[in-house]
N, C-alpha and C. Protein backbone atom coordinates (compact mmCIF):
# COMPACT_ATOMS: atom_id res chain seq x y z
N MET A 1 94.13 -10.30 238.08
CA MET A 1 93.47 -10.92 236.93
C MET A 1 94.22 -12.19 236.53
N THR A 2 93.46 -13.27 236.28
CA THR A 2 94.05 -14.54 235.93
C THR A 2 94.51 -14.56 234.48
N LYS A 3 95.68 -15.10 234.24
CA LYS A 3 96.18 -15.26 232.88
C LYS A 3 95.63 -16.57 232.33
N VAL A 4 94.88 -16.49 231.22
CA VAL A 4 94.24 -17.67 230.66
C VAL A 4 94.69 -17.86 229.22
N ARG A 5 95.00 -19.09 228.88
CA ARG A 5 95.41 -19.40 227.53
C ARG A 5 94.20 -19.50 226.62
N LYS A 6 94.19 -18.74 225.53
CA LYS A 6 93.09 -18.76 224.58
C LYS A 6 93.08 -20.06 223.78
N VAL A 7 91.88 -20.48 223.40
CA VAL A 7 91.78 -21.63 222.50
C VAL A 7 92.01 -21.15 221.07
N ARG A 8 92.53 -22.03 220.23
CA ARG A 8 92.88 -21.66 218.86
C ARG A 8 92.05 -22.36 217.81
N HIS A 9 91.25 -23.33 218.24
CA HIS A 9 90.46 -24.09 217.28
C HIS A 9 89.03 -24.25 217.80
N LYS A 10 88.08 -24.26 216.90
CA LYS A 10 86.67 -24.38 217.26
C LYS A 10 86.40 -25.69 218.01
N HIS A 11 87.03 -26.77 217.59
CA HIS A 11 86.82 -28.05 218.26
C HIS A 11 87.28 -28.00 219.71
N ASP A 12 88.43 -27.35 219.96
CA ASP A 12 88.93 -27.23 221.33
C ASP A 12 87.95 -26.43 222.20
N LEU A 13 87.34 -25.42 221.59
CA LEU A 13 86.35 -24.62 222.31
C LEU A 13 85.16 -25.48 222.69
N GLU A 14 84.67 -26.26 221.74
CA GLU A 14 83.52 -27.14 221.98
C GLU A 14 83.80 -28.12 223.11
N VAL A 15 84.97 -28.73 223.09
CA VAL A 15 85.35 -29.70 224.13
C VAL A 15 85.38 -29.02 225.50
N ALA A 16 85.97 -27.83 225.57
CA ALA A 16 86.07 -27.10 226.84
C ALA A 16 84.69 -26.77 227.39
N LEU A 17 83.77 -26.38 226.53
CA LEU A 17 82.42 -25.99 226.96
C LEU A 17 81.63 -27.19 227.45
N ASP A 18 81.82 -28.33 226.82
CA ASP A 18 81.08 -29.54 227.22
C ASP A 18 81.54 -30.06 228.58
N ARG A 19 82.69 -29.61 229.06
CA ARG A 19 83.20 -30.06 230.36
C ARG A 19 82.63 -29.28 231.54
N LEU A 20 81.94 -28.20 231.27
CA LEU A 20 81.45 -27.34 232.34
C LEU A 20 80.27 -27.97 233.09
N ARG A 21 80.07 -27.51 234.30
CA ARG A 21 78.99 -28.03 235.14
C ARG A 21 77.63 -27.64 234.58
N ASP A 22 76.68 -28.53 234.74
CA ASP A 22 75.30 -28.31 234.28
C ASP A 22 74.46 -27.77 235.45
N PHE A 23 73.21 -27.43 235.17
CA PHE A 23 72.27 -27.01 236.22
C PHE A 23 72.10 -28.15 237.23
N GLU A 24 72.02 -27.79 238.50
CA GLU A 24 71.75 -28.79 239.54
C GLU A 24 70.30 -29.26 239.44
N GLU A 25 69.37 -28.32 239.46
CA GLU A 25 67.94 -28.61 239.36
C GLU A 25 67.32 -27.60 238.40
N PRO A 26 67.34 -27.89 237.12
CA PRO A 26 66.84 -26.92 236.13
C PRO A 26 65.38 -26.59 236.34
N SER A 27 65.05 -25.32 236.13
CA SER A 27 63.68 -24.83 236.29
C SER A 27 62.93 -24.94 234.96
N GLU A 28 61.78 -25.60 235.00
CA GLU A 28 60.97 -25.71 233.79
C GLU A 28 60.38 -24.36 233.41
N ASP A 29 59.95 -23.58 234.39
CA ASP A 29 59.36 -22.27 234.11
C ASP A 29 60.35 -21.33 233.43
N LEU A 30 61.63 -21.45 233.80
CA LEU A 30 62.66 -20.59 233.21
C LEU A 30 63.28 -21.22 231.97
N GLU A 31 62.80 -22.40 231.57
CA GLU A 31 63.33 -23.12 230.40
C GLU A 31 64.85 -23.31 230.50
N GLN A 32 65.28 -23.75 231.66
CA GLN A 32 66.72 -23.92 231.86
C GLN A 32 67.19 -25.26 231.30
N TYR A 33 68.12 -25.20 230.38
CA TYR A 33 68.74 -26.38 229.80
C TYR A 33 70.16 -26.00 229.41
N ARG A 34 71.00 -26.98 229.39
CA ARG A 34 72.40 -26.75 229.05
C ARG A 34 72.53 -26.42 227.57
N THR A 35 73.20 -25.33 227.24
CA THR A 35 73.50 -25.03 225.84
C THR A 35 74.56 -26.02 225.37
N PRO A 36 74.25 -26.87 224.38
CA PRO A 36 75.24 -27.85 223.92
C PRO A 36 76.53 -27.18 223.46
N GLY A 37 77.65 -27.84 223.73
CA GLY A 37 78.95 -27.26 223.40
C GLY A 37 79.11 -26.97 221.92
N ASP A 38 78.54 -27.83 221.06
CA ASP A 38 78.72 -27.61 219.63
C ASP A 38 77.99 -26.36 219.14
N VAL A 39 76.78 -26.13 219.67
CA VAL A 39 76.01 -24.94 219.26
C VAL A 39 76.63 -23.68 219.85
N ALA A 40 77.04 -23.75 221.12
CA ALA A 40 77.68 -22.60 221.76
C ALA A 40 78.97 -22.24 221.03
N ALA A 41 79.76 -23.26 220.68
CA ALA A 41 81.01 -23.01 219.97
C ALA A 41 80.76 -22.43 218.59
N LEU A 42 79.68 -22.86 217.94
CA LEU A 42 79.37 -22.37 216.59
C LEU A 42 79.11 -20.88 216.59
N ILE A 43 78.28 -20.41 217.51
CA ILE A 43 77.95 -18.98 217.51
C ILE A 43 79.12 -18.15 218.03
N LEU A 44 79.85 -18.67 219.01
CA LEU A 44 81.00 -17.93 219.55
C LEU A 44 82.13 -17.84 218.54
N TRP A 45 82.36 -18.92 217.81
CA TRP A 45 83.44 -18.92 216.83
C TRP A 45 83.13 -17.95 215.71
N ASP A 46 81.87 -17.88 215.30
CA ASP A 46 81.48 -16.92 214.26
C ASP A 46 81.74 -15.49 214.74
N ALA A 47 81.34 -15.21 215.98
CA ALA A 47 81.57 -13.88 216.54
C ALA A 47 83.06 -13.57 216.64
N TYR A 48 83.85 -14.57 217.00
CA TYR A 48 85.29 -14.39 217.12
C TYR A 48 85.93 -14.09 215.76
N LEU A 49 85.54 -14.84 214.74
CA LEU A 49 86.11 -14.64 213.41
C LEU A 49 85.74 -13.27 212.84
N ARG A 50 84.61 -12.73 213.25
CA ARG A 50 84.19 -11.41 212.79
C ARG A 50 84.85 -10.28 213.59
N GLY A 51 85.65 -10.64 214.59
CA GLY A 51 86.35 -9.64 215.39
C GLY A 51 85.50 -9.02 216.48
N ASP A 52 84.38 -9.69 216.83
CA ASP A 52 83.46 -9.11 217.81
C ASP A 52 83.69 -9.59 219.24
N ILE A 53 84.64 -10.52 219.45
CA ILE A 53 84.86 -11.08 220.78
C ILE A 53 86.18 -10.63 221.40
N ASP A 54 87.25 -10.75 220.67
CA ASP A 54 88.59 -10.48 221.22
C ASP A 54 88.68 -9.05 221.76
N GLY A 55 88.98 -8.93 223.06
CA GLY A 55 89.12 -7.63 223.69
C GLY A 55 87.82 -6.94 224.05
N ALA A 56 86.68 -7.59 223.79
CA ALA A 56 85.38 -6.96 224.00
C ALA A 56 84.83 -7.25 225.40
N THR A 57 83.87 -6.42 225.81
CA THR A 57 83.05 -6.72 226.98
C THR A 57 81.85 -7.51 226.47
N VAL A 58 81.70 -8.72 226.95
CA VAL A 58 80.62 -9.60 226.51
C VAL A 58 79.55 -9.67 227.59
N VAL A 59 78.30 -9.49 227.19
CA VAL A 59 77.16 -9.57 228.10
C VAL A 59 76.37 -10.83 227.77
N ASP A 60 76.25 -11.72 228.74
CA ASP A 60 75.52 -12.97 228.56
C ASP A 60 74.20 -12.86 229.32
N LEU A 61 73.11 -12.59 228.58
CA LEU A 61 71.80 -12.43 229.20
C LEU A 61 71.13 -13.79 229.39
N GLY A 62 70.58 -14.02 230.59
CA GLY A 62 70.06 -15.34 230.89
C GLY A 62 71.18 -16.34 230.84
N CYS A 63 72.26 -16.02 231.53
CA CYS A 63 73.54 -16.75 231.37
C CYS A 63 73.47 -18.20 231.81
N GLY A 64 72.49 -18.54 232.67
CA GLY A 64 72.44 -19.91 233.16
C GLY A 64 73.73 -20.30 233.84
N THR A 65 74.37 -21.34 233.36
CA THR A 65 75.61 -21.83 233.99
C THR A 65 76.86 -21.14 233.46
N GLY A 66 76.68 -20.14 232.61
CA GLY A 66 77.81 -19.32 232.18
C GLY A 66 78.60 -19.86 231.00
N ILE A 67 78.01 -20.76 230.23
CA ILE A 67 78.75 -21.39 229.13
C ILE A 67 79.20 -20.37 228.08
N LEU A 68 78.30 -19.49 227.65
CA LEU A 68 78.66 -18.53 226.61
C LEU A 68 79.67 -17.50 227.13
N ALA A 69 79.54 -17.12 228.38
CA ALA A 69 80.51 -16.20 228.97
C ALA A 69 81.88 -16.86 229.05
N TYR A 70 81.90 -18.11 229.48
CA TYR A 70 83.16 -18.86 229.59
C TYR A 70 83.84 -18.96 228.23
N GLY A 71 83.06 -19.33 227.20
CA GLY A 71 83.63 -19.44 225.87
C GLY A 71 84.15 -18.13 225.34
N SER A 72 83.45 -17.05 225.64
CA SER A 72 83.88 -15.72 225.20
C SER A 72 85.22 -15.35 225.81
N LEU A 73 85.39 -15.66 227.09
CA LEU A 73 86.65 -15.35 227.76
C LEU A 73 87.78 -16.22 227.22
N LEU A 74 87.48 -17.46 226.88
CA LEU A 74 88.49 -18.32 226.26
C LEU A 74 88.96 -17.76 224.92
N LEU A 75 88.06 -17.04 224.24
CA LEU A 75 88.38 -16.49 222.93
C LEU A 75 88.95 -15.07 223.01
N GLY A 76 89.21 -14.61 224.24
CA GLY A 76 89.91 -13.35 224.38
C GLY A 76 89.09 -12.14 224.79
N ALA A 77 87.83 -12.34 225.17
CA ALA A 77 87.04 -11.22 225.68
C ALA A 77 87.73 -10.64 226.92
N SER A 78 87.64 -9.33 227.08
CA SER A 78 88.30 -8.71 228.22
C SER A 78 87.51 -8.88 229.51
N THR A 79 86.18 -8.88 229.38
CA THR A 79 85.30 -8.98 230.53
C THR A 79 84.00 -9.67 230.11
N ALA A 80 83.39 -10.40 231.04
CA ALA A 80 82.07 -10.98 230.79
C ALA A 80 81.13 -10.55 231.91
N ILE A 81 79.95 -10.09 231.53
CA ILE A 81 78.91 -9.74 232.48
C ILE A 81 77.80 -10.76 232.34
N CYS A 82 77.56 -11.53 233.40
CA CYS A 82 76.59 -12.63 233.37
C CYS A 82 75.33 -12.22 234.12
N VAL A 83 74.21 -12.21 233.42
CA VAL A 83 72.95 -11.77 234.01
C VAL A 83 71.96 -12.93 234.05
N ASP A 84 71.38 -13.18 235.20
CA ASP A 84 70.36 -14.21 235.32
C ASP A 84 69.46 -13.90 236.52
N ILE A 85 68.23 -14.35 236.44
CA ILE A 85 67.27 -14.10 237.52
C ILE A 85 67.38 -15.16 238.62
N ASP A 86 68.08 -16.25 238.32
CA ASP A 86 68.16 -17.40 239.22
C ASP A 86 69.50 -17.46 239.94
N TRP A 87 69.47 -17.31 241.26
CA TRP A 87 70.71 -17.32 242.04
C TRP A 87 71.42 -18.67 241.97
N SER A 88 70.65 -19.76 241.91
CA SER A 88 71.27 -21.08 241.83
C SER A 88 72.10 -21.21 240.55
N ALA A 89 71.55 -20.72 239.44
CA ALA A 89 72.28 -20.76 238.18
C ALA A 89 73.54 -19.89 238.26
N LEU A 90 73.41 -18.73 238.88
CA LEU A 90 74.57 -17.84 239.00
C LEU A 90 75.68 -18.47 239.85
N ASN A 91 75.28 -19.22 240.88
CA ASN A 91 76.29 -19.90 241.70
C ASN A 91 77.04 -20.94 240.88
N THR A 92 76.33 -21.66 240.00
CA THR A 92 76.99 -22.62 239.13
C THR A 92 77.88 -21.90 238.13
N ALA A 93 77.39 -20.77 237.62
CA ALA A 93 78.20 -19.98 236.69
C ALA A 93 79.48 -19.51 237.38
N ARG A 94 79.38 -19.12 238.64
CA ARG A 94 80.57 -18.68 239.38
C ARG A 94 81.60 -19.81 239.45
N GLU A 95 81.14 -21.02 239.71
CA GLU A 95 82.06 -22.16 239.77
C GLU A 95 82.70 -22.42 238.41
N ASN A 96 81.88 -22.36 237.36
CA ASN A 96 82.42 -22.60 236.02
C ASN A 96 83.43 -21.54 235.61
N LEU A 97 83.21 -20.31 236.06
CA LEU A 97 84.05 -19.19 235.64
C LEU A 97 85.20 -18.91 236.60
N SER A 98 85.38 -19.77 237.59
CA SER A 98 86.40 -19.50 238.62
C SER A 98 87.80 -19.36 238.04
N THR A 99 88.05 -19.99 236.90
CA THR A 99 89.36 -19.87 236.24
C THR A 99 89.65 -18.43 235.85
N PHE A 100 88.59 -17.66 235.60
CA PHE A 100 88.74 -16.30 235.09
C PHE A 100 88.55 -15.26 236.20
N ARG A 101 89.09 -15.53 237.36
CA ARG A 101 88.93 -14.62 238.49
C ARG A 101 89.34 -13.20 238.13
N GLY A 102 88.44 -12.25 238.42
CA GLY A 102 88.70 -10.85 238.12
C GLY A 102 88.30 -10.42 236.73
N MET A 103 87.77 -11.35 235.93
CA MET A 103 87.41 -11.03 234.54
C MET A 103 85.91 -11.10 234.27
N TYR A 104 85.11 -11.34 235.31
CA TYR A 104 83.67 -11.44 235.09
C TYR A 104 82.90 -10.84 236.27
N ASP A 105 81.66 -10.48 236.00
CA ASP A 105 80.74 -9.99 237.02
C ASP A 105 79.44 -10.77 236.91
N LEU A 106 78.82 -11.08 238.03
CA LEU A 106 77.53 -11.74 238.07
C LEU A 106 76.47 -10.74 238.50
N VAL A 107 75.39 -10.68 237.74
CA VAL A 107 74.31 -9.73 238.02
C VAL A 107 73.01 -10.51 238.15
N ALA A 108 72.38 -10.43 239.32
CA ALA A 108 71.09 -11.07 239.53
C ALA A 108 69.99 -10.07 239.17
N GLY A 109 69.20 -10.40 238.17
CA GLY A 109 68.15 -9.48 237.78
C GLY A 109 67.33 -9.98 236.61
N ASP A 110 66.22 -9.31 236.39
CA ASP A 110 65.31 -9.61 235.29
C ASP A 110 65.77 -8.84 234.06
N VAL A 111 65.88 -9.52 232.92
CA VAL A 111 66.39 -8.85 231.72
C VAL A 111 65.48 -7.72 231.25
N SER A 112 64.20 -7.77 231.64
CA SER A 112 63.27 -6.71 231.21
C SER A 112 63.50 -5.40 231.96
N THR A 113 64.26 -5.46 233.05
CA THR A 113 64.60 -4.25 233.81
C THR A 113 66.09 -4.26 234.11
N LEU A 114 66.89 -4.33 233.08
CA LEU A 114 68.33 -4.48 233.24
C LEU A 114 68.98 -3.25 233.88
N PRO A 115 69.84 -3.48 234.88
CA PRO A 115 70.59 -2.38 235.49
C PRO A 115 71.88 -2.12 234.73
N LEU A 116 71.81 -2.10 233.40
CA LEU A 116 73.01 -1.92 232.58
C LEU A 116 72.84 -0.72 231.66
N ARG A 117 73.92 0.02 231.45
CA ARG A 117 73.88 1.17 230.55
C ARG A 117 74.12 0.74 229.11
N SER A 118 73.45 1.43 228.19
CA SER A 118 73.63 1.13 226.77
C SER A 118 75.03 1.53 226.32
N SER A 119 75.64 0.69 225.48
CA SER A 119 76.97 0.97 224.99
C SER A 119 77.16 0.33 223.62
N SER A 120 77.88 1.02 222.76
CA SER A 120 78.20 0.46 221.45
C SER A 120 79.50 -0.34 221.50
N ASN A 121 80.16 -0.33 222.67
CA ASN A 121 81.46 -1.00 222.81
C ASN A 121 81.36 -2.33 223.54
N CYS A 122 80.24 -3.01 223.35
CA CYS A 122 80.08 -4.33 223.96
C CYS A 122 79.30 -5.21 223.01
N VAL A 123 79.24 -6.48 223.32
CA VAL A 123 78.49 -7.43 222.49
C VAL A 123 77.72 -8.38 223.40
N VAL A 124 76.45 -8.57 223.07
CA VAL A 124 75.64 -9.56 223.79
C VAL A 124 75.76 -10.90 223.06
N VAL A 125 75.99 -11.95 223.83
CA VAL A 125 75.94 -13.31 223.29
C VAL A 125 75.01 -14.09 224.22
N MET A 126 73.90 -14.61 223.68
CA MET A 126 72.90 -15.21 224.57
C MET A 126 72.15 -16.37 223.92
N ASN A 127 71.65 -17.23 224.77
CA ASN A 127 70.74 -18.30 224.39
C ASN A 127 69.48 -18.10 225.22
N PRO A 128 68.55 -17.27 224.75
CA PRO A 128 67.37 -16.92 225.55
C PRO A 128 66.37 -18.05 225.60
N PRO A 129 65.38 -17.96 226.51
CA PRO A 129 64.28 -18.93 226.49
C PRO A 129 63.61 -18.89 225.12
N PHE A 130 63.12 -20.03 224.68
CA PHE A 130 62.50 -20.10 223.35
C PHE A 130 61.03 -19.73 223.36
N GLY A 131 60.48 -19.45 224.55
CA GLY A 131 59.07 -19.08 224.63
C GLY A 131 58.14 -20.27 224.68
N VAL A 132 58.67 -21.43 225.08
CA VAL A 132 57.84 -22.63 225.19
C VAL A 132 56.89 -22.53 226.38
N LYS A 133 57.40 -22.08 227.52
CA LYS A 133 56.57 -21.95 228.73
C LYS A 133 55.92 -20.58 228.83
N LYS A 134 56.61 -19.56 228.39
CA LYS A 134 56.08 -18.19 228.44
C LYS A 134 56.20 -17.59 227.05
N ARG A 135 55.09 -17.51 226.36
CA ARG A 135 55.07 -17.05 224.99
C ARG A 135 55.67 -15.64 224.87
N GLY A 136 56.58 -15.48 223.93
CA GLY A 136 57.18 -14.17 223.70
C GLY A 136 58.40 -13.88 224.55
N ALA A 137 58.83 -14.86 225.36
CA ALA A 137 60.00 -14.63 226.22
C ALA A 137 61.24 -14.35 225.40
N ASP A 138 61.37 -15.00 224.24
CA ASP A 138 62.53 -14.77 223.39
C ASP A 138 62.58 -13.35 222.86
N VAL A 139 61.41 -12.78 222.58
CA VAL A 139 61.34 -11.40 222.09
C VAL A 139 61.69 -10.41 223.20
N VAL A 140 61.25 -10.71 224.42
CA VAL A 140 61.59 -9.85 225.57
C VAL A 140 63.10 -9.79 225.74
N PHE A 141 63.75 -10.95 225.67
CA PHE A 141 65.21 -11.01 225.79
C PHE A 141 65.87 -10.23 224.66
N LEU A 142 65.37 -10.41 223.45
CA LEU A 142 65.99 -9.75 222.30
C LEU A 142 65.87 -8.23 222.41
N ARG A 143 64.69 -7.74 222.74
CA ARG A 143 64.52 -6.28 222.87
C ARG A 143 65.44 -5.72 223.95
N SER A 144 65.59 -6.45 225.05
CA SER A 144 66.50 -5.99 226.11
C SER A 144 67.94 -5.98 225.63
N ALA A 145 68.33 -7.03 224.91
CA ALA A 145 69.71 -7.12 224.41
C ALA A 145 70.01 -5.97 223.45
N LEU A 146 69.05 -5.63 222.61
CA LEU A 146 69.25 -4.57 221.63
C LEU A 146 69.34 -3.19 222.28
N GLN A 147 68.90 -3.09 223.53
CA GLN A 147 69.01 -1.84 224.26
C GLN A 147 70.36 -1.70 224.96
N VAL A 148 71.10 -2.80 225.04
CA VAL A 148 72.34 -2.81 225.82
C VAL A 148 73.58 -2.62 224.97
N CYS A 149 73.69 -3.38 223.88
CA CYS A 149 74.91 -3.37 223.08
C CYS A 149 74.62 -3.13 221.60
N GLY A 150 75.63 -2.64 220.90
CA GLY A 150 75.49 -2.36 219.48
C GLY A 150 75.54 -3.61 218.62
N LYS A 151 76.02 -4.74 219.21
CA LYS A 151 76.05 -6.00 218.49
C LYS A 151 75.48 -7.09 219.39
N VAL A 152 74.69 -7.96 218.80
CA VAL A 152 74.03 -9.02 219.56
C VAL A 152 74.10 -10.33 218.77
N TYR A 153 74.50 -11.40 219.45
CA TYR A 153 74.43 -12.75 218.90
C TYR A 153 73.43 -13.53 219.73
N SER A 154 72.51 -14.23 219.07
CA SER A 154 71.44 -14.88 219.81
C SER A 154 71.00 -16.17 219.13
N ILE A 155 70.63 -17.16 219.94
CA ILE A 155 70.18 -18.47 219.46
C ILE A 155 68.66 -18.55 219.62
N HIS A 156 67.96 -18.92 218.55
CA HIS A 156 66.50 -18.99 218.59
C HIS A 156 66.01 -20.29 217.97
N LYS A 157 64.93 -20.83 218.51
CA LYS A 157 64.33 -22.02 217.94
C LYS A 157 63.79 -21.68 216.56
N TYR A 158 64.04 -22.56 215.60
CA TYR A 158 63.68 -22.25 214.22
C TYR A 158 62.23 -22.56 213.89
N SER A 159 61.60 -21.61 213.22
CA SER A 159 60.35 -21.79 212.51
C SER A 159 60.28 -20.61 211.55
N PRO A 160 59.68 -20.79 210.39
CA PRO A 160 59.61 -19.67 209.43
C PRO A 160 58.97 -18.43 210.06
N GLY A 161 57.88 -18.64 210.81
CA GLY A 161 57.22 -17.50 211.45
C GLY A 161 58.08 -16.87 212.52
N GLY A 162 58.82 -17.71 213.26
CA GLY A 162 59.68 -17.19 214.31
C GLY A 162 60.80 -16.34 213.76
N VAL A 163 61.41 -16.78 212.68
CA VAL A 163 62.48 -16.01 212.04
C VAL A 163 61.93 -14.66 211.57
N GLU A 164 60.72 -14.68 211.05
CA GLU A 164 60.09 -13.44 210.58
C GLU A 164 59.87 -12.46 211.72
N VAL A 165 59.39 -12.99 212.86
CA VAL A 165 59.15 -12.12 214.02
C VAL A 165 60.46 -11.53 214.54
N ILE A 166 61.47 -12.37 214.71
CA ILE A 166 62.76 -11.91 215.23
C ILE A 166 63.36 -10.86 214.31
N THR A 167 63.27 -11.09 213.00
CA THR A 167 63.79 -10.13 212.03
C THR A 167 63.06 -8.80 212.12
N ARG A 168 61.75 -8.85 212.24
CA ARG A 168 60.96 -7.63 212.32
C ARG A 168 61.28 -6.82 213.58
N VAL A 169 61.40 -7.52 214.72
CA VAL A 169 61.72 -6.85 215.98
C VAL A 169 63.06 -6.14 215.87
N ALA A 170 64.06 -6.82 215.32
CA ALA A 170 65.40 -6.22 215.18
C ALA A 170 65.34 -4.97 214.31
N GLU A 171 64.63 -5.04 213.22
CA GLU A 171 64.54 -3.89 212.32
C GLU A 171 63.79 -2.73 212.98
N GLU A 172 62.76 -3.05 213.76
CA GLU A 172 62.04 -2.00 214.49
C GLU A 172 62.94 -1.28 215.48
N GLU A 173 63.90 -2.01 216.04
CA GLU A 173 64.82 -1.43 217.03
C GLU A 173 66.03 -0.78 216.38
N GLY A 174 66.07 -0.76 215.05
CA GLY A 174 67.18 -0.11 214.34
C GLY A 174 68.41 -0.99 214.17
N TYR A 175 68.20 -2.30 214.02
CA TYR A 175 69.31 -3.23 213.87
C TYR A 175 69.20 -3.99 212.54
N LEU A 176 70.36 -4.33 212.01
CA LEU A 176 70.44 -5.15 210.81
C LEU A 176 70.56 -6.61 211.23
N PRO A 177 69.56 -7.46 210.92
CA PRO A 177 69.61 -8.87 211.31
C PRO A 177 70.29 -9.72 210.25
N LEU A 178 71.06 -10.70 210.70
CA LEU A 178 71.73 -11.61 209.78
C LEU A 178 71.72 -13.01 210.36
N VAL A 179 71.23 -13.98 209.59
CA VAL A 179 71.31 -15.38 210.00
C VAL A 179 72.72 -15.87 209.68
N VAL A 180 73.48 -16.21 210.72
CA VAL A 180 74.86 -16.65 210.50
C VAL A 180 74.97 -18.16 210.37
N ALA A 181 73.97 -18.90 210.90
CA ALA A 181 74.01 -20.36 210.78
C ALA A 181 72.68 -20.95 211.24
N GLU A 182 72.43 -22.15 210.79
CA GLU A 182 71.35 -22.97 211.31
C GLU A 182 71.99 -24.25 211.83
N ALA A 183 71.41 -24.80 212.88
CA ALA A 183 72.03 -25.98 213.50
C ALA A 183 70.98 -26.86 214.13
N SER A 184 71.36 -28.09 214.40
CA SER A 184 70.51 -29.02 215.13
C SER A 184 70.94 -29.00 216.59
N MET A 185 70.01 -28.72 217.48
CA MET A 185 70.32 -28.68 218.91
C MET A 185 69.78 -29.94 219.57
N VAL A 186 70.60 -30.56 220.39
CA VAL A 186 70.22 -31.77 221.11
C VAL A 186 70.21 -31.48 222.60
N ILE A 187 69.07 -31.73 223.24
CA ILE A 187 68.93 -31.53 224.67
C ILE A 187 68.53 -32.84 225.33
N LYS A 188 69.22 -33.20 226.38
CA LYS A 188 68.89 -34.42 227.11
C LYS A 188 67.64 -34.20 227.97
N GLN A 189 66.96 -35.28 228.30
CA GLN A 189 65.73 -35.22 229.07
C GLN A 189 66.04 -34.76 230.50
N ARG A 190 65.68 -33.51 230.79
CA ARG A 190 65.92 -32.96 232.13
C ARG A 190 64.66 -32.34 232.73
N LEU A 191 63.76 -31.84 231.88
CA LEU A 191 62.57 -31.14 232.35
C LEU A 191 61.33 -32.01 232.21
N ARG A 192 60.27 -31.71 232.97
CA ARG A 192 59.08 -32.55 233.01
C ARG A 192 58.38 -32.67 231.66
N HIS A 193 58.43 -31.58 230.85
CA HIS A 193 57.71 -31.63 229.58
C HIS A 193 58.47 -32.40 228.50
N HIS A 194 59.70 -32.79 228.79
CA HIS A 194 60.48 -33.59 227.83
C HIS A 194 59.95 -35.03 227.84
N ARG A 195 59.53 -35.51 226.69
CA ARG A 195 58.95 -36.85 226.59
C ARG A 195 59.95 -37.88 226.07
N ARG A 196 61.07 -37.42 225.54
CA ARG A 196 62.07 -38.33 225.00
C ARG A 196 63.40 -38.14 225.73
N ARG A 197 64.22 -39.20 225.71
CA ARG A 197 65.53 -39.11 226.37
C ARG A 197 66.39 -38.02 225.75
N VAL A 198 66.28 -37.91 224.44
CA VAL A 198 67.02 -36.88 223.72
C VAL A 198 66.05 -36.13 222.82
N HIS A 199 66.04 -34.81 222.97
CA HIS A 199 65.16 -33.98 222.16
C HIS A 199 66.02 -33.23 221.15
N ARG A 200 65.72 -33.41 219.87
CA ARG A 200 66.50 -32.78 218.81
C ARG A 200 65.60 -31.83 218.02
N PHE A 201 66.08 -30.61 217.78
CA PHE A 201 65.30 -29.64 217.03
C PHE A 201 66.24 -28.64 216.36
N LYS A 202 65.69 -27.86 215.46
CA LYS A 202 66.49 -26.93 214.68
C LYS A 202 66.51 -25.55 215.32
N VAL A 203 67.69 -24.94 215.33
CA VAL A 203 67.83 -23.57 215.84
C VAL A 203 68.48 -22.70 214.77
N VAL A 204 68.26 -21.41 214.91
CA VAL A 204 68.86 -20.44 213.99
C VAL A 204 69.70 -19.48 214.82
N LEU A 205 70.90 -19.19 214.35
CA LEU A 205 71.84 -18.32 215.05
C LEU A 205 71.88 -16.97 214.34
N PHE A 206 71.55 -15.93 215.08
CA PHE A 206 71.46 -14.58 214.53
C PHE A 206 72.63 -13.70 214.98
N ARG A 207 72.98 -12.77 214.11
CA ARG A 207 73.85 -11.65 214.47
C ARG A 207 73.06 -10.36 214.16
N PHE A 208 72.99 -9.47 215.13
CA PHE A 208 72.32 -8.19 214.96
C PHE A 208 73.33 -7.07 215.17
N VAL A 209 73.34 -6.12 214.27
CA VAL A 209 74.24 -4.98 214.39
C VAL A 209 73.43 -3.70 214.25
N ARG A 210 73.65 -2.77 215.16
CA ARG A 210 72.98 -1.48 215.08
C ARG A 210 73.24 -0.88 213.70
N THR A 211 72.20 -0.43 213.03
CA THR A 211 72.28 0.00 211.64
C THR A 211 73.40 1.00 211.40
N VAL A 212 73.55 1.97 212.28
CA VAL A 212 74.60 2.98 212.13
C VAL A 212 75.97 2.32 212.13
N GLN A 213 76.19 1.38 213.05
CA GLN A 213 77.47 0.67 213.11
C GLN A 213 77.70 -0.16 211.87
N ALA A 214 76.63 -0.81 211.41
CA ALA A 214 76.75 -1.65 210.21
C ALA A 214 77.18 -0.83 209.01
N GLU A 215 76.62 0.37 208.89
CA GLU A 215 76.98 1.23 207.77
C GLU A 215 78.44 1.69 207.88
N GLU A 216 78.86 1.99 209.11
CA GLU A 216 80.24 2.44 209.33
C GLU A 216 81.24 1.34 209.02
N GLU A 217 80.84 0.09 209.34
CA GLU A 217 81.76 -1.04 209.17
C GLU A 217 81.61 -1.70 207.80
N GLY A 218 80.63 -1.23 207.02
CA GLY A 218 80.44 -1.77 205.68
C GLY A 218 79.77 -3.11 205.66
N ASP A 219 79.01 -3.48 206.71
CA ASP A 219 78.29 -4.74 206.73
C ASP A 219 77.11 -4.65 205.78
N GLU A 220 76.82 -5.78 205.14
CA GLU A 220 75.69 -5.84 204.23
C GLU A 220 74.47 -6.39 204.95
């Protein structure tokens, strides 16, 4: 197992994440885009400050190039499990995560049929598709995540109706939803449907905790 120095400041985390390799040829159907370092650092830092990252097994669903897994390991996660349906993305994730040899696993598969066992001793951190190309894709990812770990951090495109749907789904699955932050996400023009060089939009960062765990830990 490789010995890696943890980052101590949110800014250092952001800088490290922005240095990682991007998709070679992003898929429009899979809504593949680079998670900006500032947004990735924001959700990871919140999870770290709450004690949900250090020493934990982190599951990155739809990991893409492995940015969230990489950041989790920098913050002291013991292991990262990276799941994606795209082998090309997983190969890029392998290159990005090479520093953490022996501390991560790559799993090729569809999140709707995950080959993972449910556990309360892990945390999902993910940036799922927003459902632009395939309506409801974000909900599919969320339901799968809630079946895997007792705690889930997830990035979703903001709309009042969307927040309502995500909240309802979490409560139906027995989870307490909490909006930990709202942010502006900037994506460079990489996909065919992008009409501007830079696309800026609002996202909401959620934390979900299984109700039983939330009660035990005194979360409101």
